[in-house]
Amino acid sequence: MTKRVLDLLPAELASLSAKELLQAVAGSEGRVLAAETIGITPPLLSDVTNAEFAASMGADLLLLNMFDVWEPRIVGLPETRPEDVVRRVKELTGRMIGINLEPVDPAVCAQNEETIWAMSRGRYATAENAQRAMEMGVDLIVLTGNPGNGVSNEAIVHSLESIRTQVGDGIVLAAGKMHASGVVGEGGENIITKADVDAFSKAGADIILLPAPGTVPGITTEYVRGLVSYAHSLGCLTITAIGTSQEGADTATIRQIALECKMTGTDIHHIGDSGYVGMALPENIMAYSVAIRGIRHTYRRMAASLARKPKN
């Protein structure tokens, strides 16, 4: 039987199969924390990657945003061959690693060409890019959208179908939206509906991504609770996400969002990458962890050495 994420050592977290990852998350009963980071921006600690910093504050899963699978760049990472970047991040952090791929509308995302969110070849949600990610050692692919990139729920479904056909059961797939992503008509409760959850599940999603209550106008705890329950009835796990820069709010706000997410019944808690730009405020990662699982599990995750080996 697979251990809970709570009980896994860094070496174990970094070596889970797709099936084991899903079982370990499900067994943790809503006490898994994912921290999103951006690798192409200067890291907060200059010569230490944001991924390492987020891991040190208690994150179990690191989600690499704006990660190009063909031209991977993580500022602060020791010199590494492109194909080995994900494995090097695992080696340094002892964490599960996910990336975002975006099923974007080219006409909409063109509006972002002069911004940090501008798209590149290796960030599109294609079967080719998903295959490359799996070969690089990525554990989880999240099909979602960055601000203004024009990711619709219909586009997510189409990408899911092609990617699932390509990768089979070799990698965990998550799908959903944490904000409107520049699509008119998909704001508020229309960001994601039961019909979308059903479509994502049928297209091959293992995990449904939902906005955290209080992060998007109109998204309440009760609304997300209904979607979580429905996703669970379909055999999917869920991840509630802070993707509206509230990862840079005060710790009291983070604790409130964390507990609201806990009440929805979600399996994974996500905190975004724009406290400044690049990762959440480090104290907020730790505050979130403490809120959903207490100091014992938080400090254990922060303190466990990468050199520690599991007992036979």
Protein backbone atom coordinates (compact mmCIF):
# COMPACT_ATOMS: atom_id res chain seq x y z
CA MET A 1 0.00 0.00 0.00
CA THR A 2 1.36 3.45 -0.94
CA LYS A 3 2.18 5.76 1.96
CA ARG A 4 0.45 9.10 2.39
CA VAL A 5 2.27 12.13 1.01
CA LEU A 6 2.49 13.25 4.64
CA ASP A 7 4.70 10.26 5.49
CA LEU A 8 6.94 10.15 2.45
CA LEU A 9 10.57 11.23 2.65
CA PRO A 10 12.03 13.53 -0.03
CA ALA A 11 13.66 10.62 -1.87
CA GLU A 12 10.30 8.85 -2.01
CA LEU A 13 8.35 11.92 -3.13
CA ALA A 14 10.69 12.41 -6.06
CA SER A 15 10.28 8.84 -7.33
CA LEU A 16 6.55 8.12 -7.32
CA SER A 17 4.80 6.57 -10.31
CA ALA A 18 1.62 8.23 -11.57
CA LYS A 19 -0.55 5.65 -9.82
CA GLU A 20 1.41 5.94 -6.58
CA LEU A 21 1.19 9.74 -6.65
CA LEU A 22 -2.60 9.66 -6.92
CA GLN A 23 -2.89 7.09 -4.13
CA ALA A 24 -0.51 9.03 -1.86
CA VAL A 25 -2.46 12.25 -2.39
CA ALA A 26 -5.84 10.59 -1.80
CA GLY A 27 -4.57 9.03 1.40
CA SER A 28 -3.47 12.37 2.82
CA GLU A 29 -7.06 13.62 3.24
CA GLY A 30 -6.65 17.19 2.06
CA ARG A 31 -3.20 17.81 3.49
CA VAL A 32 -1.06 18.14 0.35
CA LEU A 33 0.42 21.52 -0.58
CA ALA A 34 1.50 22.54 -4.08
CA ALA A 35 3.54 25.72 -4.57
CA GLU A 36 3.79 27.25 -8.02
CA THR A 37 7.04 28.94 -9.04
CA ILE A 38 8.40 30.71 -12.11
CA GLY A 39 11.90 29.78 -13.20
CA ILE A 40 12.56 32.47 -15.81
CA THR A 41 12.43 35.37 -13.35
CA PRO A 42 15.28 36.24 -10.96
CA PRO A 43 14.87 34.06 -7.86
CA LEU A 44 14.07 35.72 -4.55
CA LEU A 45 17.30 34.38 -3.03
CA SER A 46 19.51 35.27 -6.00
CA ASP A 47 21.52 32.04 -6.34
CA VAL A 48 18.91 29.61 -4.97
CA THR A 49 16.00 28.66 -7.22
CA ASN A 50 12.47 29.60 -6.29
CA ALA A 51 11.64 25.90 -6.46
CA GLU A 52 14.16 25.13 -3.72
CA PHE A 53 12.94 28.05 -1.62
CA ALA A 54 9.29 26.95 -1.90
CA ALA A 55 10.23 23.38 -0.99
CA SER A 56 12.08 24.59 2.10
CA MET A 57 8.91 26.32 3.33
CA GLY A 58 6.83 23.15 3.33
CA ALA A 59 5.56 22.46 -0.20
CA ASP A 60 5.11 18.81 -1.20
CA LEU A 61 4.63 19.44 -4.91
CA LEU A 62 6.35 22.09 -7.02
CA LEU A 63 4.49 23.36 -10.05
CA LEU A 64 6.78 25.01 -12.59
CA ASN A 65 4.93 27.76 -14.42
CA MET A 66 6.05 29.15 -17.80
CA PHE A 67 8.30 26.12 -18.21
CA ASP A 68 9.27 25.46 -21.84
CA VAL A 69 9.97 21.76 -22.33
CA TRP A 70 12.26 22.42 -25.30
CA GLU A 71 14.12 25.40 -23.84
CA PRO A 72 13.87 24.86 -20.08
CA ARG A 73 15.26 27.70 -18.00
CA ILE A 74 15.32 27.95 -14.22
CA VAL A 75 17.44 30.83 -12.98
CA GLY A 76 19.72 29.77 -10.13
CA LEU A 77 19.89 26.12 -11.17
CA PRO A 78 23.42 24.72 -11.54
CA GLU A 79 24.46 24.14 -15.14
CA THR A 80 22.40 21.22 -16.40
CA ARG A 81 21.63 19.64 -19.76
CA PRO A 82 18.14 20.71 -20.94
CA GLU A 83 16.75 17.19 -20.86
CA ASP A 84 17.90 16.79 -17.23
CA VAL A 85 16.51 20.03 -15.77
CA VAL A 86 13.46 18.44 -14.12
CA ARG A 87 15.52 15.60 -12.67
CA ARG A 88 18.01 18.15 -11.29
CA VAL A 89 15.18 20.06 -9.60
CA LYS A 90 14.01 16.79 -8.06
CA GLU A 91 17.55 16.03 -6.94
CA LEU A 92 17.85 19.41 -5.21
CA THR A 93 14.37 19.51 -3.66
CA GLY A 94 13.12 15.96 -3.15
CA ARG A 95 9.65 16.95 -4.34
CA MET A 96 7.05 15.90 -6.88
CA ILE A 97 7.30 18.13 -9.95
CA GLY A 98 4.50 19.41 -12.15
CA ILE A 99 4.40 21.85 -15.06
CA ASN A 100 1.70 23.95 -16.70
CA LEU A 101 0.88 23.48 -20.37
CA GLU A 102 -1.55 25.91 -21.98
CA PRO A 103 -4.26 25.18 -24.59
CA VAL A 104 -4.28 28.77 -25.78
CA ASP A 105 -6.17 30.66 -28.44
CA PRO A 106 -3.36 32.11 -30.64
CA ALA A 107 -5.38 35.22 -31.45
CA VAL A 108 -5.89 36.02 -27.77
CA CYS A 109 -2.42 35.12 -26.53
CA ALA A 110 -0.89 37.36 -29.19
CA GLN A 111 -2.03 40.27 -27.03
CA ASN A 112 0.54 39.16 -24.44
CA GLU A 113 3.56 39.21 -26.77
CA GLU A 114 5.20 42.09 -24.90
CA THR A 115 4.48 40.75 -21.40
CA ILE A 116 6.04 38.18 -19.12
CA TRP A 117 3.20 35.78 -20.02
CA ALA A 118 4.12 35.64 -23.74
CA MET A 119 3.91 32.08 -25.06
CA SER A 120 6.72 29.94 -26.44
CA ARG A 121 6.72 26.66 -28.35
CA GLY A 122 7.35 24.38 -25.37
CA ARG A 123 4.49 25.74 -23.28
CA TYR A 124 1.61 24.81 -25.58
CA ALA A 125 -0.62 21.92 -24.48
CA THR A 126 0.26 19.54 -27.29
CA ALA A 127 0.78 15.80 -27.27
CA GLU A 128 4.39 16.32 -28.38
CA ASN A 129 5.14 18.64 -25.47
CA ALA A 130 3.44 16.31 -22.99
CA GLN A 131 5.52 13.38 -24.24
CA ARG A 132 8.67 15.47 -23.84
CA ALA A 133 7.64 16.44 -20.30
CA MET A 134 7.09 12.81 -19.33
CA GLU A 135 10.50 11.86 -20.71
CA MET A 136 12.07 14.68 -18.66
CA GLY A 137 10.68 13.21 -15.44
CA VAL A 138 7.66 15.47 -14.89
CA ASP A 139 5.11 13.85 -12.55
CA LEU A 140 2.10 16.05 -13.26
CA ILE A 141 0.92 18.14 -16.19
CA VAL A 142 -1.65 20.84 -15.47
CA LEU A 143 -3.68 22.07 -18.43
CA THR A 144 -4.62 25.62 -17.51
CA GLY A 145 -3.92 29.20 -18.57
CA ASN A 146 -1.86 32.19 -17.53
CA PRO A 147 -3.43 35.68 -17.44
CA GLY A 148 -4.77 36.85 -20.77
CA ASN A 149 -3.67 33.83 -22.79
CA GLY A 150 -7.18 32.87 -23.91
CA VAL A 151 -7.50 29.35 -22.52
CA SER A 152 -11.10 28.14 -22.84
CA ASN A 153 -12.59 25.06 -21.22
CA GLU A 154 -13.39 23.67 -24.66
CA ALA A 155 -9.74 23.99 -25.66
CA ILE A 156 -8.69 22.21 -22.45
CA VAL A 157 -10.92 19.26 -23.35
CA HIS A 158 -9.43 18.93 -26.84
CA SER A 159 -5.87 19.08 -25.47
CA LEU A 160 -6.67 16.57 -22.74
CA GLU A 161 -7.95 14.05 -25.24
CA SER A 162 -4.88 14.23 -27.46
CA ILE A 163 -2.43 14.23 -24.56
CA ARG A 164 -4.07 11.30 -22.78
CA THR A 165 -3.94 9.30 -26.00
CA GLN A 166 -0.23 10.10 -26.31
CA VAL A 167 0.97 9.48 -22.74
CA GLY A 168 -1.46 6.78 -21.59
CA ASP A 169 -1.28 6.30 -17.82
CA GLY A 170 2.37 7.30 -17.62
CA ILE A 171 1.78 10.73 -16.12
CA VAL A 172 -0.86 12.44 -13.98
CA LEU A 173 -3.05 14.96 -15.81
CA ALA A 174 -4.87 17.84 -14.14
CA ALA A 175 -7.18 20.28 -15.89
CA GLY A 176 -9.12 23.41 -15.06
CA LYS A 177 -8.88 27.14 -14.54
CA MET A 178 -8.05 29.30 -11.54
CA HIS A 179 -9.19 32.51 -13.26
CA ALA A 180 -10.80 33.47 -16.58
CA SER A 181 -7.46 33.42 -18.48
CA GLY A 182 -8.62 36.16 -20.81
CA VAL A 183 -11.76 34.39 -22.07
CA VAL A 184 -14.83 36.62 -22.14
CA GLY A 185 -17.83 34.76 -20.73
CA GLU A 186 -15.82 32.42 -18.52
CA GLY A 187 -15.65 34.62 -15.44
CA GLY A 188 -17.15 34.05 -11.99
CA GLU A 189 -19.08 30.79 -11.72
CA ASN A 190 -18.62 30.27 -15.47
CA ILE A 191 -14.90 29.70 -14.96
CA ILE A 192 -15.76 26.07 -14.34
CA THR A 193 -19.11 24.29 -14.07
CA LYS A 194 -20.28 20.73 -13.41
CA ALA A 195 -20.52 20.27 -17.18
CA ASP A 196 -16.85 21.25 -17.48
CA VAL A 197 -15.85 18.88 -14.68
CA ASP A 198 -17.70 16.07 -16.45
CA ALA A 199 -16.05 16.91 -19.78
CA PHE A 200 -12.57 17.05 -18.24
CA SER A 201 -13.10 13.70 -16.53
CA LYS A 202 -14.28 12.02 -19.73
CA ALA A 203 -11.34 13.50 -21.64
CA GLY A 204 -8.85 11.86 -19.27
CA ALA A 205 -8.18 14.19 -16.33
CA ASP A 206 -7.07 12.57 -13.07
CA ILE A 207 -7.36 15.84 -11.14
CA ILE A 208 -9.76 18.76 -11.58
CA LEU A 209 -8.35 22.23 -10.90
CA LEU A 210 -10.73 24.78 -9.34
CA PRO A 211 -10.38 28.36 -8.08
CA ALA A 212 -9.99 28.56 -4.32
CA PRO A 213 -13.01 30.14 -2.58
CA GLY A 214 -12.53 33.87 -2.15
CA THR A 215 -10.00 34.23 -4.95
CA VAL A 216 -12.35 34.95 -7.86
CA PRO A 217 -15.52 37.07 -7.72
CA GLY A 218 -18.56 34.85 -7.22
CA ILE A 219 -16.63 31.71 -6.29
CA THR A 220 -17.89 30.69 -2.85
CA THR A 221 -17.02 27.80 -0.58
CA GLU A 222 -20.43 26.24 -1.24
CA TYR A 223 -19.99 26.45 -5.00
CA VAL A 224 -16.55 24.85 -4.97
CA ARG A 225 -17.74 22.24 -2.46
CA GLY A 226 -20.37 21.12 -4.97
CA LEU A 227 -17.79 20.80 -7.74
CA VAL A 228 -15.37 18.91 -5.50
CA SER A 229 -18.07 16.44 -4.50
CA TYR A 230 -19.04 15.97 -8.14
CA ALA A 231 -15.42 15.43 -9.22
CA HIS A 232 -14.96 12.85 -6.47
CA SER A 233 -18.13 11.04 -7.62
CA LEU A 234 -16.48 10.72 -11.05
CA GLY A 235 -13.33 9.22 -9.55
CA CYS A 236 -11.21 12.38 -9.92
CA LEU A 237 -9.16 14.18 -7.29
CA THR A 238 -9.24 17.98 -7.02
CA ILE A 239 -6.84 20.87 -6.51
CA THR A 240 -8.04 24.28 -5.34
CA ALA A 241 -5.83 27.12 -6.54
CA ILE A 242 -4.86 30.64 -5.51
CA GLY A 243 -4.08 32.18 -8.88
CA THR A 244 -5.10 35.81 -8.44
CA SER A 245 -1.97 37.19 -6.72
CA GLN A 246 -3.45 36.74 -3.24
CA GLU A 247 -0.42 34.58 -2.58
CA GLY A 248 1.05 37.99 -1.78
CA ALA A 249 -1.64 38.87 0.77
CA ASP A 250 -1.19 38.83 4.56
CA THR A 251 -0.95 35.50 6.37
CA ALA A 252 -4.41 35.92 7.93
CA THR A 253 -5.96 35.98 4.45
CA ILE A 254 -3.97 32.90 3.44
CA ARG A 255 -5.14 30.99 6.52
CA GLN A 256 -8.74 31.90 5.79
CA ILE A 257 -8.50 30.74 2.18
CA ALA A 258 -6.76 27.55 3.32
CA LEU A 259 -9.52 26.65 5.75
CA GLU A 260 -12.24 27.47 3.21
CA CYS A 261 -10.49 25.14 0.75
CA LYS A 262 -10.29 22.48 3.44
CA MET A 263 -14.05 22.77 3.92
CA THR A 264 -14.64 22.12 0.23
CA GLY A 265 -13.06 18.68 0.60
CA THR A 266 -10.24 19.31 -1.86
CA ASP A 267 -7.31 16.91 -2.10
CA ILE A 268 -4.48 19.31 -3.05
CA HIS A 269 -4.05 22.94 -2.04
CA HIS A 270 -2.27 25.23 -4.50
CA ILE A 271 -0.61 28.57 -3.78
CA GLY A 272 0.41 30.70 -6.75
CA ASP A 273 3.63 32.25 -8.01
CA SER A 274 3.05 36.00 -7.81
CA GLY A 275 3.64 37.06 -4.25
CA TYR A 276 6.19 39.29 -5.88
CA VAL A 277 6.89 37.58 -9.19
CA GLY A 278 8.28 34.07 -9.15
CA MET A 279 6.74 32.51 -6.05
CA ALA A 280 4.37 33.17 -3.17
CA LEU A 281 5.62 35.04 -0.15
CA PRO A 282 7.60 32.34 1.69
CA GLU A 283 5.83 33.01 4.98
CA ASN A 284 2.51 32.39 3.20
CA ILE A 285 3.61 28.95 1.98
CA MET A 286 4.43 27.99 5.53
CA ALA A 287 1.25 29.59 6.92
CA TYR A 288 -0.85 27.65 4.42
CA SER A 289 0.87 24.40 5.35
CA VAL A 290 0.37 24.97 9.06
CA ALA A 291 -3.31 25.83 8.53
CA ILE A 292 -4.13 22.59 6.71
CA ARG A 293 -1.95 20.13 8.62
CA GLY A 294 -0.33 21.71 11.68
CA ILE A 295 3.25 22.32 12.70
CA ARG A 296 4.33 18.68 13.04
CA HIS A 297 3.75 17.75 9.41
CA THR A 298 4.92 21.18 8.23
CA TYR A 299 8.21 21.09 10.12
CA ARG A 300 8.80 17.47 9.10
CA ARG A 301 8.43 18.38 5.44
CA MET A 302 10.73 21.38 5.89
CA ALA A 303 13.36 19.50 7.90
CA ALA A 304 13.64 16.03 6.33
CA SER A 305 17.05 15.62 4.71
CA LEU A 306 17.47 14.68 1.07
CA ALA A 307 20.07 12.18 2.24
CA ARG A 308 17.63 10.32 4.49
CA LYS A 309 16.74 6.87 3.13
CA PRO A 310 13.39 5.12 3.77
CA LYS A 311 13.34 2.00 5.93
CA ASN A 312 12.95 -1.29 4.09
